[in-house]
Amino acid sequence: MKLSSSIMFPFAMQIPYKLHSVMVHEGSARFGHYWCYVKQKSDHTHPGDPVTSQWFRYNDTDVTSATTDKLQKESFGVSDTSSSAYCLVYVDQSSNEVFGEWNRSRSFISFINSRNFEQMTTICLWSC
């Protein structure tokens, strides 16, 4: 069932979680296109700087900043568009970091680089 309006759950306001990302589908059950929005905290330039956050839209090879209004318009399945959210990811509101410092560590970056190299090698082997 596709909903064409947002639904508010009063009890959800008592849960200490915040929306972190939204996966969106546009199209029908037979075909379509997917993209996502992710809310990213800014890195502090100086100690004591306020924490700010910004929505980003990840669509294939494009990453652009996005407003909450754009996210809501593309996620609520209104009648003038065939796009709607199909997965919401929430994170603990009391946590300062979504994935901690692990995502910035050298070992993680090295792991990602090696996996990317393996994927490109596989693609080249199958394309040639």
N, C-alpha and C. Protein backbone atom coordinates (compact mmCIF):
# COMPACT_ATOMS: atom_id res chain seq x y z
N MET A 1 0.84 -1.16 0.00
CA MET A 1 0.00 0.00 0.00
C MET A 1 0.89 1.24 0.00
N LYS A 2 0.64 2.16 -0.91
CA LYS A 2 1.40 3.40 -0.97
C LYS A 2 0.63 4.49 -0.24
N LEU A 3 1.32 5.15 0.68
CA LEU A 3 0.71 6.25 1.42
C LEU A 3 0.99 7.56 0.71
N SER A 4 0.01 8.44 0.71
CA SER A 4 0.20 9.72 0.02
C SER A 4 0.30 10.88 0.98
N SER A 5 0.49 10.62 2.25
CA SER A 5 0.69 11.69 3.22
C SER A 5 1.55 11.16 4.36
N SER A 6 2.11 12.08 5.11
CA SER A 6 2.96 11.66 6.23
C SER A 6 2.09 11.23 7.40
N ILE A 7 2.64 10.36 8.21
CA ILE A 7 1.92 9.86 9.38
C ILE A 7 2.76 10.18 10.60
N MET A 8 2.15 10.76 11.60
CA MET A 8 2.85 11.10 12.83
C MET A 8 2.45 10.12 13.93
N PHE A 9 3.44 9.62 14.65
CA PHE A 9 3.20 8.72 15.75
C PHE A 9 3.63 9.44 17.03
N PRO A 10 2.69 9.91 17.84
CA PRO A 10 3.06 10.67 19.05
C PRO A 10 4.03 9.92 19.96
N PHE A 11 3.87 8.58 20.07
CA PHE A 11 4.76 7.83 20.95
C PHE A 11 6.20 7.84 20.43
N ALA A 12 6.38 8.04 19.12
CA ALA A 12 7.73 8.04 18.55
C ALA A 12 8.54 9.24 19.04
N MET A 13 7.87 10.28 19.44
CA MET A 13 8.58 11.46 19.94
C MET A 13 9.27 11.18 21.27
N GLN A 14 8.87 10.12 21.95
CA GLN A 14 9.48 9.77 23.23
C GLN A 14 10.72 8.91 23.05
N ILE A 15 10.93 8.39 21.86
CA ILE A 15 12.07 7.52 21.60
C ILE A 15 13.28 8.39 21.25
N PRO A 16 14.44 8.15 21.86
CA PRO A 16 15.60 9.03 21.64
C PRO A 16 16.37 8.72 20.35
N TYR A 17 15.67 8.69 19.22
CA TYR A 17 16.33 8.45 17.94
C TYR A 17 16.06 9.60 17.00
N LYS A 18 16.98 9.80 16.05
CA LYS A 18 16.78 10.85 15.05
C LYS A 18 16.98 10.25 13.67
N LEU A 19 16.30 10.84 12.70
CA LEU A 19 16.39 10.37 11.33
C LEU A 19 17.78 10.64 10.78
N HIS A 20 18.42 9.61 10.25
CA HIS A 20 19.78 9.74 9.71
C HIS A 20 19.79 9.64 8.18
N SER A 21 18.98 8.75 7.61
CA SER A 21 18.96 8.63 6.15
C SER A 21 17.61 8.13 5.67
N VAL A 22 17.34 8.44 4.41
CA VAL A 22 16.08 8.05 3.77
C VAL A 22 16.42 7.49 2.40
N MET A 23 15.97 6.25 2.12
CA MET A 23 16.14 5.67 0.80
C MET A 23 14.84 5.91 0.04
N VAL A 24 14.97 6.37 -1.21
CA VAL A 24 13.82 6.77 -2.01
C VAL A 24 13.77 5.93 -3.29
N HIS A 25 12.56 5.55 -3.70
CA HIS A 25 12.34 4.85 -4.96
C HIS A 25 11.40 5.68 -5.82
N GLU A 26 11.72 5.79 -7.09
CA GLU A 26 10.83 6.45 -8.04
C GLU A 26 10.52 5.46 -9.16
N GLY A 27 9.28 5.30 -9.48
CA GLY A 27 8.90 4.38 -10.53
C GLY A 27 7.77 3.49 -10.08
N SER A 28 7.79 2.25 -10.55
CA SER A 28 6.74 1.29 -10.21
C SER A 28 7.38 0.02 -9.67
N ALA A 29 6.56 -0.99 -9.43
CA ALA A 29 7.09 -2.26 -8.93
C ALA A 29 7.91 -2.97 -9.99
N ARG A 30 7.72 -2.67 -11.25
CA ARG A 30 8.44 -3.33 -12.34
C ARG A 30 9.77 -2.67 -12.68
N PHE A 31 9.87 -1.38 -12.48
CA PHE A 31 11.10 -0.67 -12.80
C PHE A 31 11.18 0.60 -11.97
N GLY A 32 12.34 1.20 -11.98
CA GLY A 32 12.47 2.45 -11.24
C GLY A 32 13.91 2.82 -11.00
N HIS A 33 14.06 3.81 -10.16
CA HIS A 33 15.37 4.36 -9.84
C HIS A 33 15.41 4.60 -8.34
N TYR A 34 16.57 4.40 -7.75
CA TYR A 34 16.76 4.56 -6.31
C TYR A 34 17.81 5.62 -6.02
N TRP A 35 17.63 6.34 -4.94
CA TRP A 35 18.65 7.26 -4.43
C TRP A 35 18.42 7.41 -2.93
N CYS A 36 19.31 8.10 -2.26
CA CYS A 36 19.13 8.27 -0.82
C CYS A 36 19.56 9.65 -0.36
N TYR A 37 19.04 10.00 0.79
CA TYR A 37 19.43 11.21 1.51
C TYR A 37 20.12 10.78 2.78
N VAL A 38 21.21 11.45 3.13
CA VAL A 38 21.93 11.15 4.37
C VAL A 38 22.22 12.47 5.06
N LYS A 39 21.96 12.52 6.35
CA LYS A 39 22.24 13.71 7.14
C LYS A 39 23.64 13.58 7.73
N GLN A 40 24.49 14.52 7.43
CA GLN A 40 25.88 14.46 7.88
C GLN A 40 26.18 15.63 8.79
N LYS A 41 26.81 15.32 9.91
CA LYS A 41 27.25 16.38 10.82
C LYS A 41 28.51 17.03 10.27
N SER A 42 28.64 18.32 10.52
CA SER A 42 29.86 19.01 10.10
C SER A 42 30.97 18.71 11.10
N ASP A 43 32.21 18.69 10.60
CA ASP A 43 33.35 18.56 11.49
C ASP A 43 33.59 19.91 12.16
N HIS A 44 33.96 19.86 13.42
CA HIS A 44 34.27 21.10 14.13
C HIS A 44 35.58 21.67 13.63
N THR A 45 35.55 22.93 13.22
CA THR A 45 36.78 23.59 12.82
C THR A 45 37.57 23.99 14.06
N HIS A 46 36.86 24.49 15.05
CA HIS A 46 37.49 24.92 16.29
C HIS A 46 36.72 24.34 17.47
N PRO A 47 37.43 23.99 18.55
CA PRO A 47 36.71 23.49 19.73
C PRO A 47 35.68 24.52 20.18
N GLY A 48 34.51 24.03 20.52
CA GLY A 48 33.44 24.93 20.97
C GLY A 48 32.53 25.40 19.85
N ASP A 49 32.89 25.13 18.58
CA ASP A 49 32.00 25.49 17.48
C ASP A 49 30.71 24.70 17.60
N PRO A 50 29.58 25.30 17.22
CA PRO A 50 28.32 24.55 17.30
C PRO A 50 28.29 23.40 16.30
N VAL A 51 27.61 22.33 16.67
CA VAL A 51 27.45 21.19 15.78
C VAL A 51 26.33 21.52 14.79
N THR A 52 26.61 21.40 13.52
CA THR A 52 25.58 21.62 12.51
C THR A 52 25.46 20.36 11.68
N SER A 53 24.36 20.23 10.98
CA SER A 53 24.18 19.07 10.11
C SER A 53 23.53 19.51 8.81
N GLN A 54 23.75 18.73 7.78
CA GLN A 54 23.27 19.05 6.44
C GLN A 54 22.81 17.77 5.76
N TRP A 55 21.70 17.85 5.03
CA TRP A 55 21.25 16.71 4.23
C TRP A 55 22.00 16.70 2.91
N PHE A 56 22.39 15.49 2.46
CA PHE A 56 23.01 15.30 1.16
C PHE A 56 22.20 14.27 0.38
N ARG A 57 22.08 14.50 -0.91
CA ARG A 57 21.34 13.59 -1.80
C ARG A 57 22.37 12.82 -2.63
N TYR A 58 22.38 11.49 -2.47
CA TYR A 58 23.29 10.61 -3.20
C TYR A 58 22.49 9.94 -4.31
N ASN A 59 22.80 10.32 -5.55
CA ASN A 59 22.06 9.81 -6.71
C ASN A 59 23.06 9.38 -7.77
N ASP A 60 23.30 8.08 -7.87
CA ASP A 60 24.30 7.53 -8.78
C ASP A 60 25.65 8.17 -8.49
N THR A 61 26.20 8.91 -9.44
CA THR A 61 27.52 9.51 -9.23
C THR A 61 27.44 10.94 -8.70
N ASP A 62 26.24 11.46 -8.52
CA ASP A 62 26.09 12.84 -8.04
C ASP A 62 25.79 12.88 -6.55
N VAL A 63 26.50 13.75 -5.86
CA VAL A 63 26.22 14.03 -4.46
C VAL A 63 26.00 15.53 -4.36
N THR A 64 24.81 15.92 -3.91
CA THR A 64 24.49 17.34 -3.80
C THR A 64 23.89 17.62 -2.44
N SER A 65 24.04 18.86 -1.98
CA SER A 65 23.39 19.24 -0.73
C SER A 65 21.90 19.36 -1.01
N ALA A 66 21.10 19.11 0.02
CA ALA A 66 19.65 19.13 -0.14
C ALA A 66 19.00 19.77 1.07
N THR A 67 17.82 20.28 0.85
CA THR A 67 17.05 20.88 1.94
C THR A 67 16.08 19.85 2.50
N THR A 68 15.60 20.10 3.69
CA THR A 68 14.59 19.24 4.29
C THR A 68 13.32 19.26 3.44
N ASP A 69 12.99 20.43 2.89
CA ASP A 69 11.80 20.53 2.03
C ASP A 69 11.91 19.61 0.82
N LYS A 70 13.08 19.58 0.17
CA LYS A 70 13.27 18.71 -1.00
C LYS A 70 13.14 17.25 -0.59
N LEU A 71 13.76 16.88 0.53
CA LEU A 71 13.67 15.51 1.02
C LEU A 71 12.21 15.13 1.25
N GLN A 72 11.46 15.99 1.91
CA GLN A 72 10.06 15.69 2.19
C GLN A 72 9.24 15.58 0.91
N LYS A 73 9.48 16.47 -0.04
CA LYS A 73 8.72 16.43 -1.29
C LYS A 73 8.96 15.14 -2.05
N GLU A 74 10.21 14.65 -2.07
CA GLU A 74 10.53 13.44 -2.82
C GLU A 74 10.24 12.16 -2.03
N SER A 75 9.94 12.28 -0.75
CA SER A 75 9.79 11.09 0.09
C SER A 75 8.37 10.74 0.47
N PHE A 76 7.43 11.66 0.35
CA PHE A 76 6.09 11.41 0.86
C PHE A 76 5.13 10.85 -0.17
N GLY A 77 5.57 10.60 -1.39
CA GLY A 77 4.70 9.96 -2.37
C GLY A 77 3.49 10.78 -2.76
N VAL A 78 3.66 12.09 -2.86
CA VAL A 78 2.53 12.94 -3.26
C VAL A 78 2.14 12.65 -4.70
N SER A 79 0.95 13.05 -5.07
CA SER A 79 0.38 12.64 -6.36
C SER A 79 1.12 13.17 -7.58
N ASP A 80 1.87 14.27 -7.47
CA ASP A 80 2.55 14.81 -8.65
C ASP A 80 3.92 14.17 -8.92
N THR A 81 4.28 13.16 -8.16
CA THR A 81 5.53 12.46 -8.38
C THR A 81 5.35 10.97 -8.09
N SER A 82 6.16 10.15 -8.70
CA SER A 82 6.07 8.71 -8.44
C SER A 82 7.15 8.25 -7.48
N SER A 83 7.76 9.18 -6.74
CA SER A 83 8.81 8.80 -5.80
C SER A 83 8.25 8.75 -4.38
N SER A 84 8.81 7.84 -3.59
CA SER A 84 8.43 7.75 -2.18
C SER A 84 9.52 7.02 -1.40
N ALA A 85 9.59 7.33 -0.12
CA ALA A 85 10.57 6.68 0.76
C ALA A 85 10.18 5.22 0.95
N TYR A 86 11.17 4.34 0.96
CA TYR A 86 10.88 2.93 1.23
C TYR A 86 11.68 2.41 2.42
N CYS A 87 12.66 3.18 2.89
CA CYS A 87 13.42 2.75 4.05
C CYS A 87 13.93 3.98 4.79
N LEU A 88 13.73 4.01 6.09
CA LEU A 88 14.21 5.09 6.94
C LEU A 88 15.22 4.51 7.92
N VAL A 89 16.32 5.22 8.14
CA VAL A 89 17.34 4.77 9.08
C VAL A 89 17.43 5.79 10.20
N TYR A 90 17.27 5.31 11.42
CA TYR A 90 17.35 6.16 12.60
C TYR A 90 18.60 5.81 13.39
N VAL A 91 19.16 6.81 14.08
CA VAL A 91 20.32 6.58 14.94
C VAL A 91 20.01 7.12 16.33
N ASP A 92 20.74 6.62 17.30
CA ASP A 92 20.59 7.04 18.68
C ASP A 92 20.90 8.52 18.81
N GLN A 93 19.95 9.29 19.28
CA GLN A 93 20.11 10.73 19.38
C GLN A 93 21.18 11.14 20.39
N SER A 94 21.44 10.31 21.36
CA SER A 94 22.43 10.66 22.38
C SER A 94 23.86 10.43 21.90
N SER A 95 24.02 9.75 20.77
CA SER A 95 25.35 9.47 20.25
C SER A 95 25.90 10.67 19.50
N ASN A 96 27.16 11.00 19.74
CA ASN A 96 27.79 12.11 19.03
C ASN A 96 28.20 11.72 17.62
N GLU A 97 28.50 10.48 17.42
CA GLU A 97 28.94 9.98 16.12
C GLU A 97 28.06 8.83 15.70
N VAL A 98 27.75 8.75 14.42
CA VAL A 98 26.93 7.65 13.93
C VAL A 98 27.71 6.36 13.97
N PHE A 99 28.92 6.37 13.46
CA PHE A 99 29.73 5.16 13.41
C PHE A 99 31.04 5.33 14.19
N GLY A 100 31.13 6.29 15.05
CA GLY A 100 32.32 6.50 15.84
C GLY A 100 33.50 6.93 14.99
N GLU A 101 34.65 6.82 15.57
CA GLU A 101 35.87 7.22 14.86
C GLU A 101 36.33 6.16 13.87
N TRP A 102 35.73 4.96 13.90
CA TRP A 102 36.17 3.88 13.03
C TRP A 102 36.11 4.28 11.56
N ASN A 103 35.08 5.04 11.17
CA ASN A 103 34.94 5.37 9.76
C ASN A 103 36.02 6.33 9.27
N ARG A 104 36.80 6.91 10.15
CA ARG A 104 37.87 7.82 9.73
C ARG A 104 39.25 7.21 9.95
N SER A 105 39.30 6.01 10.44
CA SER A 105 40.59 5.41 10.75
C SER A 105 41.31 4.98 9.49
N ARG A 106 42.63 4.89 9.58
CA ARG A 106 43.43 4.45 8.44
C ARG A 106 43.07 3.03 8.01
N SER A 107 42.78 2.16 8.98
CA SER A 107 42.46 0.78 8.61
C SER A 107 41.17 0.71 7.80
N PHE A 108 40.20 1.53 8.14
CA PHE A 108 38.95 1.55 7.38
C PHE A 108 39.18 2.08 5.97
N ILE A 109 39.91 3.17 5.85
CA ILE A 109 40.20 3.76 4.53
C ILE A 109 40.99 2.77 3.69
N SER A 110 41.95 2.10 4.29
CA SER A 110 42.73 1.10 3.58
C SER A 110 41.85 -0.05 3.11
N PHE A 111 40.93 -0.49 3.98
CA PHE A 111 40.01 -1.56 3.63
C PHE A 111 39.15 -1.15 2.43
N ILE A 112 38.58 0.03 2.46
CA ILE A 112 37.73 0.52 1.36
C ILE A 112 38.54 0.61 0.07
N ASN A 113 39.75 1.14 0.14
CA ASN A 113 40.58 1.25 -1.06
C ASN A 113 40.90 -0.13 -1.65
N SER A 114 41.19 -1.10 -0.80
CA SER A 114 41.50 -2.43 -1.32
C SER A 114 40.26 -3.09 -1.93
N ARG A 115 39.08 -2.90 -1.31
CA ARG A 115 37.84 -3.46 -1.88
C ARG A 115 37.50 -2.78 -3.21
N ASN A 116 37.72 -1.48 -3.30
CA ASN A 116 37.48 -0.78 -4.57
C ASN A 116 38.40 -1.31 -5.66
N PHE A 117 39.67 -1.54 -5.32
CA PHE A 117 40.62 -2.08 -6.28
C PHE A 117 40.19 -3.47 -6.75
N GLU A 118 39.77 -4.31 -5.80
CA GLU A 118 39.29 -5.66 -6.15
C GLU A 118 38.09 -5.59 -7.09
N GLN A 119 37.17 -4.69 -6.80
CA GLN A 119 35.97 -4.55 -7.64
C GLN A 119 36.35 -4.10 -9.05
N MET A 120 37.23 -3.11 -9.16
CA MET A 120 37.65 -2.62 -10.47
C MET A 120 38.38 -3.70 -11.24
N THR A 121 39.20 -4.49 -10.56
CA THR A 121 39.91 -5.59 -11.22
C THR A 121 38.92 -6.61 -11.77
N THR A 122 37.93 -6.96 -10.96
CA THR A 122 36.90 -7.90 -11.40
C THR A 122 36.13 -7.36 -12.60
N ILE A 123 35.75 -6.10 -12.55
CA ILE A 123 35.03 -5.48 -13.67
C ILE A 123 35.88 -5.52 -14.94
N CYS A 124 37.16 -5.18 -14.80
CA CYS A 124 38.06 -5.19 -15.97
C CYS A 124 38.21 -6.60 -16.54
N LEU A 125 38.31 -7.60 -15.69
CA LEU A 125 38.46 -8.99 -16.15
C LEU A 125 37.22 -9.44 -16.92
N TRP A 126 36.05 -9.09 -16.45
CA TRP A 126 34.81 -9.51 -17.11
C TRP A 126 34.48 -8.66 -18.33
N SER A 127 35.00 -7.43 -18.42
CA SER A 127 34.69 -6.56 -19.57
C SER A 127 35.61 -6.77 -20.75
N CYS A 128 36.79 -7.32 -20.50
CA CYS A 128 37.78 -7.44 -21.56
C CYS A 128 37.55 -8.64 -22.44
